PDB file of N, CA and C in Angstrom:
ATOM      1  N   UNK A   1     103.014 111.860  67.791  1.00  0.00           N
ATOM      2  CA  UNK A   1     103.068 111.959  69.243  1.00  0.00           C
ATOM      3  C   UNK A   1     103.509 110.613  69.854  1.00  0.00           C
ATOM      4  N   UNK A   2     104.417 110.667  70.759  1.00  0.00           N
ATOM      5  CA  UNK A   2     104.922 109.457  71.387  1.00  0.00           C
ATOM      6  C   UNK A   2     103.984 109.061  72.544  1.00  0.00           C
ATOM      7  N   UNK A   3     103.702 107.765  72.622  1.00  0.00           N
ATOM      8  CA  UNK A   3     102.906 107.260  73.730  1.00  0.00           C
ATOM      9  C   UNK A   3     103.900 106.659  74.764  1.00  0.00           C
ATOM     10  N   UNK A   4     103.573 106.826  76.004  1.00  0.00           N
ATOM     11  CA  UNK A   4     104.445 106.352  77.049  1.00  0.00           C
ATOM     12  C   UNK A   4     103.754 105.218  77.814  1.00  0.00           C
ATOM     13  N   UNK A   5     104.573 104.317  78.351  1.00  0.00           N
ATOM     14  CA  UNK A   5     103.977 103.228  79.167  1.00  0.00           C
ATOM     15  C   UNK A   5     104.891 102.836  80.332  1.00  0.00           C
ATOM     16  N   UNK A   6     104.266 102.209  81.319  1.00  0.00           N
ATOM     17  CA  UNK A   6     104.930 101.746  82.538  1.00  0.00           C
ATOM     18  C   UNK A   6     104.234 100.517  83.056  1.00  0.00           C
ATOM     19  N   UNK A   7     104.962  99.608  83.594  1.00  0.00           N
ATOM     20  CA  UNK A   7     104.436  98.358  84.205  1.00  0.00           C
ATOM     21  C   UNK A   7     105.062  98.236  85.587  1.00  0.00           C
ATOM     22  N   UNK A   8     104.231  97.993  86.567  1.00  0.00           N
ATOM     23  CA  UNK A   8     104.703  97.731  87.927  1.00  0.00           C
ATOM     24  C   UNK A   8     105.794  96.626  87.998  1.00  0.00           C
ATOM     25  N   UNK A   9     105.456  95.571  87.235  1.00  0.00           N
ATOM     26  CA  UNK A   9     106.357  94.379  87.226  1.00  0.00           C
ATOM     27  C   UNK A   9     107.796  94.769  86.790  1.00  0.00           C
ATOM     28  N   UNK A  10     107.936  95.840  86.009  1.00  0.00           N
ATOM     29  CA  UNK A  10     109.242  96.257  85.509  1.00  0.00           C
ATOM     30  C   UNK A  10     110.120  96.802  86.621  1.00  0.00           C
ATOM     31  N   UNK A  11     109.532  97.127  87.791  1.00  0.00           N
ATOM     32  CA  UNK A  11     110.359  97.560  88.910  1.00  0.00           C
ATOM     33  C   UNK A  11     110.337  96.547  90.017  1.00  0.00           C
ATOM     34  N   UNK A  12     109.972  95.307  89.680  1.00  0.00           N
ATOM     35  CA  UNK A  12     110.075  94.214  90.640  1.00  0.00           C
ATOM     36  C   UNK A  12     108.813  93.936  91.483  1.00  0.00           C
ATOM     37  N   UNK A  13     107.706  94.631  91.146  1.00  0.00           N
ATOM     38  CA  UNK A  13     106.495  94.376  91.922  1.00  0.00           C
ATOM     39  C   UNK A  13     105.734  93.212  91.376  1.00  0.00           C
ATOM     40  N   UNK A  14     105.039  92.449  92.182  1.00  0.00           N
ATOM     41  CA  UNK A  14     104.178  91.370  91.709  1.00  0.00           C
ATOM     42  C   UNK A  14     102.789  92.001  91.572  1.00  0.00           C
ATOM     43  N   UNK A  15     102.638  92.706  90.442  1.00  0.00           N
ATOM     44  CA  UNK A  15     101.468  93.513  90.221  1.00  0.00           C
ATOM     45  C   UNK A  15     101.254  93.636  88.704  1.00  0.00           C
ATOM     46  N   UNK A  16     100.002  93.538  88.294  1.00  0.00           N
ATOM     47  CA  UNK A  16      99.682  93.607  86.888  1.00  0.00           C
ATOM     48  C   UNK A  16      99.351  95.014  86.381  1.00  0.00           C
ATOM     49  N   UNK A  17      99.564  96.026  87.218  1.00  0.00           N
ATOM     50  CA  UNK A  17      99.249  97.378  86.820  1.00  0.00           C
ATOM     51  C   UNK A  17     100.099  97.822  85.621  1.00  0.00           C
ATOM     52  N   UNK A  18      99.436  98.437  84.631  1.00  0.00           N
ATOM     53  CA  UNK A  18     100.123  98.984  83.465  1.00  0.00           C
ATOM     54  C   UNK A  18      99.489 100.321  83.097  1.00  0.00           C
ATOM     55  N   UNK A  19     100.323 101.261  82.679  1.00  0.00           N
ATOM     56  CA  UNK A  19      99.855 102.493  82.042  1.00  0.00           C
ATOM     57  C   UNK A  19     100.320 102.378  80.605  1.00  0.00           C
ATOM     58  N   UNK A  20      99.381 102.491  79.682  1.00  0.00           N
ATOM     59  CA  UNK A  20      99.691 102.466  78.224  1.00  0.00           C
ATOM     60  C   UNK A  20      99.091 103.626  77.524  1.00  0.00           C
ATOM     61  N   UNK A  21      99.790 104.231  76.601  1.00  0.00           N
ATOM     62  CA  UNK A  21      99.237 105.312  75.795  1.00  0.00           C
ATOM     63  C   UNK A  21      99.215 106.632  76.487  1.00  0.00           C
ATOM     64  N   UNK A  22      99.917 106.812  77.534  1.00  0.00           N
ATOM     65  CA  UNK A  22     100.002 108.118  78.183  1.00  0.00           C
ATOM     66  C   UNK A  22     100.692 109.116  77.246  1.00  0.00           C
ATOM     67  N   UNK A  23     100.295 110.369  77.392  1.00  0.00           N
ATOM     68  CA  UNK A  23     100.809 111.402  76.480  1.00  0.00           C
ATOM     69  C   UNK A  23     102.135 112.019  76.924  1.00  0.00           C
ATOM     70  N   UNK A  24     102.537 111.794  78.218  1.00  0.00           N
ATOM     71  CA  UNK A  24     103.769 112.319  78.670  1.00  0.00           C
ATOM     72  C   UNK A  24     104.351 111.503  79.834  1.00  0.00           C
ATOM     73  N   UNK A  25     105.639 111.713  80.083  1.00  0.00           N
ATOM     74  CA  UNK A  25     106.264 110.970  81.212  1.00  0.00           C
ATOM     75  C   UNK A  25     105.658 111.443  82.524  1.00  0.00           C
ATOM     76  N   UNK A  26     105.326 112.720  82.609  1.00  0.00           N
ATOM     77  CA  UNK A  26     104.650 113.281  83.793  1.00  0.00           C
ATOM     78  C   UNK A  26     103.330 112.584  84.081  1.00  0.00           C
ATOM     79  N   UNK A  27     102.561 112.364  83.017  1.00  0.00           N
ATOM     80  CA  UNK A  27     101.243 111.696  83.156  1.00  0.00           C
ATOM     81  C   UNK A  27     101.433 110.295  83.689  1.00  0.00           C
ATOM     82  N   UNK A  28     102.423 109.586  83.177  1.00  0.00           N
ATOM     83  CA  UNK A  28     102.720 108.198  83.643  1.00  0.00           C
ATOM     84  C   UNK A  28     103.097 108.255  85.114  1.00  0.00           C
ATOM     85  N   UNK A  29     103.978 109.183  85.480  1.00  0.00           N
ATOM     86  CA  UNK A  29     104.414 109.309  86.891  1.00  0.00           C
ATOM     87  C   UNK A  29     103.261 109.599  87.798  1.00  0.00           C
ATOM     88  N   UNK A  30     102.339 110.503  87.376  1.00  0.00           N
ATOM     89  CA  UNK A  30     101.210 110.833  88.194  1.00  0.00           C
ATOM     90  C   UNK A  30     100.279 109.622  88.374  1.00  0.00           C
ATOM     91  N   UNK A  31     100.025 108.920  87.295  1.00  0.00           N
ATOM     92  CA  UNK A  31      99.152 107.734  87.389  1.00  0.00           C
ATOM     93  C   UNK A  31      99.772 106.634  88.213  1.00  0.00           C
ATOM     94  N   UNK A  32     101.048 106.446  88.098  1.00  0.00           N
ATOM     95  CA  UNK A  32     101.776 105.450  88.918  1.00  0.00           C
ATOM     96  C   UNK A  32     101.779 105.819  90.373  1.00  0.00           C
ATOM     97  N   UNK A  33     101.858 107.111  90.677  1.00  0.00           N
ATOM     98  CA  UNK A  33     101.808 107.554  92.092  1.00  0.00           C
ATOM     99  C   UNK A  33     100.435 107.299  92.715  1.00  0.00           C
ATOM    100  N   UNK A  34      99.394 107.592  91.949  1.00  0.00           N
ATOM    101  CA  UNK A  34      98.038 107.310  92.443  1.00  0.00           C
ATOM    102  C   UNK A  34      97.840 105.817  92.640  1.00  0.00           C
ATOM    103  N   UNK A  35      98.296 104.994  91.706  1.00  0.00           N
ATOM    104  CA  UNK A  35      98.209 103.565  91.847  1.00  0.00           C
ATOM    105  C   UNK A  35      98.981 103.080  93.110  1.00  0.00           C
ATOM    106  N   UNK A  36     100.202 103.608  93.269  1.00  0.00           N
ATOM    107  CA  UNK A  36     101.008 103.205  94.405  1.00  0.00           C
ATOM    108  C   UNK A  36     100.291 103.485  95.742  1.00  0.00           C
ATOM    109  N   UNK A  37      99.624 104.634  95.796  1.00  0.00           N
ATOM    110  CA  UNK A  37      98.897 105.030  97.021  1.00  0.00           C
ATOM    111  C   UNK A  37      97.690 104.112  97.247  1.00  0.00           C
ATOM    112  N   UNK A  38      96.888 103.961  96.206  1.00  0.00           N
ATOM    113  CA  UNK A  38      95.623 103.233  96.367  1.00  0.00           C
ATOM    114  C   UNK A  38      95.827 101.738  96.446  1.00  0.00           C
ATOM    115  N   UNK A  39      96.760 101.155  95.729  1.00  0.00           N
ATOM    116  CA  UNK A  39      96.901  99.714  95.691  1.00  0.00           C
ATOM    117  C   UNK A  39      97.983  99.203  96.613  1.00  0.00           C
ATOM    118  N   UNK A  40      99.080  99.929  96.660  1.00  0.00           N
ATOM    119  CA  UNK A  40     100.231  99.465  97.466  1.00  0.00           C
ATOM    120  C   UNK A  40     100.385 100.155  98.816  1.00  0.00           C
ATOM    121  N   UNK A  41      99.445 101.051  99.134  1.00  0.00           N
ATOM    122  CA  UNK A  41      99.442 101.714 100.430  1.00  0.00           C
ATOM    123  C   UNK A  41     100.596 102.660 100.655  1.00  0.00           C
ATOM    124  N   UNK A  42     101.210 103.184  99.579  1.00  0.00           N
ATOM    125  CA  UNK A  42     102.345 104.107  99.748  1.00  0.00           C
ATOM    126  C   UNK A  42     101.810 105.507  99.810  1.00  0.00           C
ATOM    127  N   UNK A  43     101.942 106.141 100.951  1.00  0.00           N
ATOM    128  CA  UNK A  43     101.449 107.527 101.141  1.00  0.00           C
ATOM    129  C   UNK A  43     102.356 108.513 100.399  1.00  0.00           C
ATOM    130  N   UNK A  44     103.634 108.165 100.293  1.00  0.00           N
ATOM    131  CA  UNK A  44     104.587 108.970  99.504  1.00  0.00           C
ATOM    132  C   UNK A  44     105.491 107.970  98.765  1.00  0.00           C
ATOM    133  N   UNK A  45     106.096 108.457  97.697  1.00  0.00           N
ATOM    134  CA  UNK A  45     106.944 107.593  96.918  1.00  0.00           C
ATOM    135  C   UNK A  45     108.416 107.854  97.300  1.00  0.00           C
ATOM    136  N   UNK A  46     109.101 106.850  97.853  1.00  0.00           N
ATOM    137  CA  UNK A  46     110.503 107.056  98.252  1.00  0.00           C
ATOM    138  C   UNK A  46     111.376 107.383  96.991  1.00  0.00           C
ATOM    139  N   UNK A  47     112.425 108.121  97.158  1.00  0.00           N
ATOM    140  CA  UNK A  47     113.234 108.555  96.051  1.00  0.00           C
ATOM    141  C   UNK A  47     113.769 107.348  95.251  1.00  0.00           C
ATOM    142  N   UNK A  48     114.121 106.263  95.860  1.00  0.00           N
ATOM    143  CA  UNK A  48     114.645 105.127  95.073  1.00  0.00           C
ATOM    144  C   UNK A  48     113.579 104.492  94.214  1.00  0.00           C
ATOM    145  N   UNK A  49     112.339 104.463  94.709  1.00  0.00           N
ATOM    146  CA  UNK A  49     111.241 103.922  93.903  1.00  0.00           C
ATOM    147  C   UNK A  49     110.884 104.908  92.771  1.00  0.00           C
ATOM    148  N   UNK A  50     110.864 106.175  93.026  1.00  0.00           N
ATOM    149  CA  UNK A  50     110.632 107.185  92.001  1.00  0.00           C
ATOM    150  C   UNK A  50     111.668 107.013  90.887  1.00  0.00           C
ATOM    151  N   UNK A  51     112.912 106.818  91.225  1.00  0.00           N
ATOM    152  CA  UNK A  51     113.967 106.635  90.246  1.00  0.00           C
ATOM    153  C   UNK A  51     113.710 105.390  89.416  1.00  0.00           C
ATOM    154  N   UNK A  52     113.315 104.306  90.049  1.00  0.00           N
ATOM    155  CA  UNK A  52     113.037 103.042  89.319  1.00  0.00           C
ATOM    156  C   UNK A  52     111.882 103.257  88.358  1.00  0.00           C
ATOM    157  N   UNK A  53     110.812 103.967  88.803  1.00  0.00           N
ATOM    158  CA  UNK A  53     109.692 104.198  87.936  1.00  0.00           C
ATOM    159  C   UNK A  53     110.110 105.041  86.730  1.00  0.00           C
ATOM    160  N   UNK A  54     110.859 106.102  87.003  1.00  0.00           N
ATOM    161  CA  UNK A  54     111.302 107.008  85.937  1.00  0.00           C
ATOM    162  C   UNK A  54     112.158 106.211  84.935  1.00  0.00           C
ATOM    163  N   UNK A  55     113.050 105.385  85.430  1.00  0.00           N
ATOM    164  CA  UNK A  55     113.894 104.600  84.516  1.00  0.00           C
ATOM    165  C   UNK A  55     113.157 103.563  83.725  1.00  0.00           C
ATOM    166  N   UNK A  56     112.002 103.158  84.193  1.00  0.00           N
ATOM    167  CA  UNK A  56     111.253 102.080  83.555  1.00  0.00           C
ATOM    168  C   UNK A  56     110.158 102.570  82.601  1.00  0.00           C
ATOM    169  N   UNK A  57     109.955 103.873  82.530  1.00  0.00           N
ATOM    170  CA  UNK A  57     108.941 104.435  81.606  1.00  0.00           C
ATOM    171  C   UNK A  57     109.513 104.316  80.199  1.00  0.00           C
ATOM    172  N   UNK A  58     108.681 103.696  79.321  1.00  0.00           N
ATOM    173  CA  UNK A  58     109.060 103.523  77.934  1.00  0.00           C
ATOM    174  C   UNK A  58     108.276 104.486  77.072  1.00  0.00           C
ATOM    175  N   UNK A  59     108.891 104.977  76.017  1.00  0.00           N
ATOM    176  CA  UNK A  59     108.187 105.832  75.122  1.00  0.00           C
ATOM    177  C   UNK A  59     109.085 106.622  74.240  1.00  0.00           C
TER     178      UNK A  59
END
């Protein structure tokens, strides 16, 4: 099983948030969206940011 990961800093944020060991790209995306809302005050994720997140997920 492939583990997926994402780091906020990979999309240019000055933030130490990381997702490691997620079981799917969808799980990473959901966790990143919750983090963006709670930490960065983003009520919705703009399409350009969503694309950056998607492109930065490793796994």
